[in-house]
C-alpha atoms as a PDB file:
ATOM      1  CA  MET A   1      10.891   9.100 -12.957  1.00  0.00           C
ATOM      2  CA  LEU A   2       9.382   6.215 -14.915  1.00  0.00           C
ATOM      3  CA  THR A   3       5.917   7.770 -14.889  1.00  0.00           C
ATOM      4  CA  CYS A   4       7.284  10.663 -16.949  1.00  0.00           C
ATOM      5  CA  LEU A   5       7.948   8.205 -19.790  1.00  0.00           C
ATOM      6  CA  ILE A   6       4.346   6.965 -19.941  1.00  0.00           C
ATOM      7  CA  ASN A   7       2.114   8.531 -22.597  1.00  0.00           C
ATOM      8  CA  ARG A   8      -0.613  10.652 -21.044  1.00  0.00           C
ATOM      9  CA  PRO A   9      -4.026   8.948 -21.244  1.00  0.00           C
ATOM     10  CA  ALA A  10      -7.205  10.721 -22.303  1.00  0.00           C
ATOM     11  CA  ARG A  11      -8.627  10.369 -18.798  1.00  0.00           C
ATOM     12  CA  MET A  12      -7.021   9.790 -15.399  1.00  0.00           C
ATOM     13  CA  VAL A  13      -8.642   8.333 -12.283  1.00  0.00           C
ATOM     14  CA  TYR A  14      -7.035   8.913  -8.880  1.00  0.00           C
ATOM     15  CA  LEU A  15      -7.750   6.561  -5.997  1.00  0.00           C
ATOM     16  CA  SER A  16      -6.820   7.082  -2.375  1.00  0.00           C
ATOM     17  CA  SER A  17      -7.271   5.354   0.935  1.00  0.00           C
ATOM     18  CA  GLY A  18      -6.789   6.148   4.589  1.00  0.00           C
ATOM     19  CA  MET A  19      -5.647   2.594   5.370  1.00  0.00           C
ATOM     20  CA  HIS A  20      -1.971   3.622   5.275  1.00  0.00           C
ATOM     21  CA  ARG A  21      -2.515   5.361   8.605  1.00  0.00           C
ATOM     22  CA  GLN A  22      -3.366   2.073  10.330  1.00  0.00           C
ATOM     23  CA  GLY A  23      -0.346   0.150   9.067  1.00  0.00           C
ATOM     24  CA  ASN A  24       2.590  -1.061  11.120  1.00  0.00           C
ATOM     25  CA  ALA A  25       6.043  -0.114   9.812  1.00  0.00           C
ATOM     26  CA  SER A  26       7.808  -2.588  12.101  1.00  0.00           C
ATOM     27  CA  LEU A  27      10.002  -5.141  10.338  1.00  0.00           C
ATOM     28  CA  ARG A  28       9.489  -7.707  13.102  1.00  0.00           C
ATOM     29  CA  ASP A  29       7.356 -10.720  12.299  1.00  0.00           C
ATOM     30  CA  LEU A  30       7.054 -10.038   8.556  1.00  0.00           C
ATOM     31  CA  LEU A  31       5.468 -13.450   7.987  1.00  0.00           C
ATOM     32  CA  TRP A  32       2.762 -12.833  10.611  1.00  0.00           C
ATOM     33  CA  GLN A  33       3.687 -15.948  12.594  1.00  0.00           C
ATOM     34  CA  ARG A  34       3.606 -14.410  16.092  1.00  0.00           C
ATOM     35  CA  ARG A  35       0.908 -11.764  15.603  1.00  0.00           C
ATOM     36  CA  PRO A  36      -2.789 -12.475  15.196  1.00  0.00           C
ATOM     37  CA  TRP A  37      -3.821 -12.202  11.543  1.00  0.00           C
ATOM     38  CA  ASN A  38      -5.364  -8.860  10.558  1.00  0.00           C
ATOM     39  CA  THR A  39      -6.339  -8.457   6.895  1.00  0.00           C
ATOM     40  CA  SER A  40      -6.431  -4.669   6.997  1.00  0.00           C
ATOM     41  CA  GLN A  41      -2.898  -4.439   8.417  1.00  0.00           C
ATOM     42  CA  ALA A  42      -1.369  -7.244   6.367  1.00  0.00           C
END
């Protein structure tokens, strides 16, 4: 909804990534205290 209020720029650049497929949607251990640290998942 808010993006409709932004003036359209002269040029747009779209970025995408496949990293969202490797994520973990679990709400357990949000502070990464019990899991081993993984920069691509954090």
